[in-house]
């Protein structure tokens, strides 16, 4: 399965004929064939090419709606280390 970075996902924003991809809980879905996504937008609230995990908590529908669409990849998680974590990590590698 393809691994998508946040930057890769953003390229699939549904604009100018590009496919509509969104991420949810680490999975990347292809929503290109959904009539509810037009020009990379859904209900004027959500944009294609983004991680909708947090936004889905507010949605009037459940995540089961996504089960109708193919999972095409996995969203690579990006971790930001605090300065103390980074310092500890550097010291451990020495």
Protein backbone atom coordinates (compact mmCIF):
# COMPACT_ATOMS: atom_id res chain seq x y z
CA UNK A 1 0.00 0.00 0.00
CA UNK A 2 1.29 3.47 -0.86
CA UNK A 3 2.59 5.67 1.94
CA UNK A 4 1.47 9.30 1.65
CA UNK A 5 3.12 12.22 3.37
CA UNK A 6 0.95 15.21 4.22
CA UNK A 7 2.59 16.97 1.25
CA UNK A 8 1.74 14.06 -1.09
CA UNK A 9 -1.85 14.02 0.13
CA UNK A 10 -2.23 17.76 -0.50
CA UNK A 11 -1.49 17.22 -4.21
CA UNK A 12 -4.74 15.24 -4.53
CA UNK A 13 -7.04 18.14 -3.82
CA UNK A 14 -9.68 17.54 -6.50
CA UNK A 15 -8.90 20.77 -8.34
CA UNK A 16 -8.27 20.95 -12.09
CA UNK A 17 -9.20 17.30 -12.62
CA UNK A 18 -6.97 15.93 -9.85
CA UNK A 19 -8.29 13.02 -7.79
CA UNK A 20 -9.99 13.59 -4.44
CA UNK A 21 -8.05 11.93 -1.62
CA UNK A 22 -8.62 12.40 2.09
CA UNK A 23 -7.08 10.80 5.14
CA UNK A 24 -8.94 9.48 8.16
CA UNK A 25 -7.35 7.72 11.12
CA UNK A 26 -4.18 7.03 9.16
CA UNK A 27 -5.86 5.61 6.04
CA UNK A 28 -6.03 7.46 2.71
CA UNK A 29 -9.33 7.16 0.84
CA UNK A 30 -10.09 7.87 -2.83
CA UNK A 31 -13.34 9.88 -2.91
CA UNK A 32 -12.98 10.94 -6.54
CA UNK A 33 -16.22 9.19 -7.58
CA UNK A 34 -18.33 10.72 -4.81
CA UNK A 35 -20.90 13.17 -6.12
CA UNK A 36 -20.67 14.97 -2.76
CA UNK A 37 -17.14 16.18 -3.50
CA UNK A 38 -17.08 18.92 -6.13
CA UNK A 39 -13.92 20.75 -7.12
CA UNK A 40 -12.17 19.37 -4.06
CA UNK A 41 -14.78 20.59 -1.56
CA UNK A 42 -17.45 18.82 0.47
CA UNK A 43 -20.41 20.81 1.76
CA UNK A 44 -18.24 23.96 1.74
CA UNK A 45 -16.70 22.66 4.97
CA UNK A 46 -13.97 20.23 4.00
CA UNK A 47 -11.15 20.26 1.48
CA UNK A 48 -9.73 17.29 -0.38
CA UNK A 49 -6.06 16.57 0.12
CA UNK A 50 -6.30 16.88 3.90
CA UNK A 51 -6.53 14.72 7.01
CA UNK A 52 -10.18 14.78 8.12
CA UNK A 53 -9.71 12.79 11.33
CA UNK A 54 -10.53 15.71 13.63
CA UNK A 55 -13.21 17.16 11.34
CA UNK A 56 -15.12 13.86 11.25
CA UNK A 57 -15.82 14.20 14.97
CA UNK A 58 -18.14 17.11 14.08
CA UNK A 59 -19.69 15.46 10.99
CA UNK A 60 -23.40 14.57 10.95
CA UNK A 61 -22.54 11.11 9.58
CA UNK A 62 -20.36 8.33 10.91
CA UNK A 63 -17.06 7.07 9.60
CA UNK A 64 -18.99 4.14 8.08
CA UNK A 65 -19.65 6.45 5.12
CA UNK A 66 -15.97 6.08 4.17
CA UNK A 67 -16.31 2.29 3.97
CA UNK A 68 -17.94 2.76 0.55
CA UNK A 69 -14.68 4.06 -0.90
CA UNK A 70 -11.36 2.36 -1.57
CA UNK A 71 -8.46 2.71 0.83
CA UNK A 72 -5.50 3.50 -1.40
CA UNK A 73 -2.77 4.20 1.10
CA UNK A 74 -1.55 5.06 4.55
CA UNK A 75 -0.81 8.54 5.87
CA UNK A 76 2.70 8.80 7.21
CA UNK A 77 2.66 10.19 10.72
CA UNK A 78 4.92 13.13 11.38
CA UNK A 79 6.19 13.57 14.88
CA UNK A 80 7.55 16.82 16.22
CA UNK A 81 10.03 16.38 19.04
CA UNK A 82 10.17 18.88 21.83
CA UNK A 83 13.61 20.40 22.36
CA UNK A 84 14.20 18.17 25.42
CA UNK A 85 13.19 15.03 23.46
CA UNK A 86 15.49 16.00 20.61
CA UNK A 87 18.37 16.60 23.04
CA UNK A 88 17.80 13.21 24.67
CA UNK A 89 17.61 11.53 21.28
CA UNK A 90 20.91 13.09 20.20
CA UNK A 91 22.62 12.05 23.43
CA UNK A 92 21.40 8.45 23.04
CA UNK A 93 22.85 8.26 19.54
CA UNK A 94 26.32 9.33 20.71
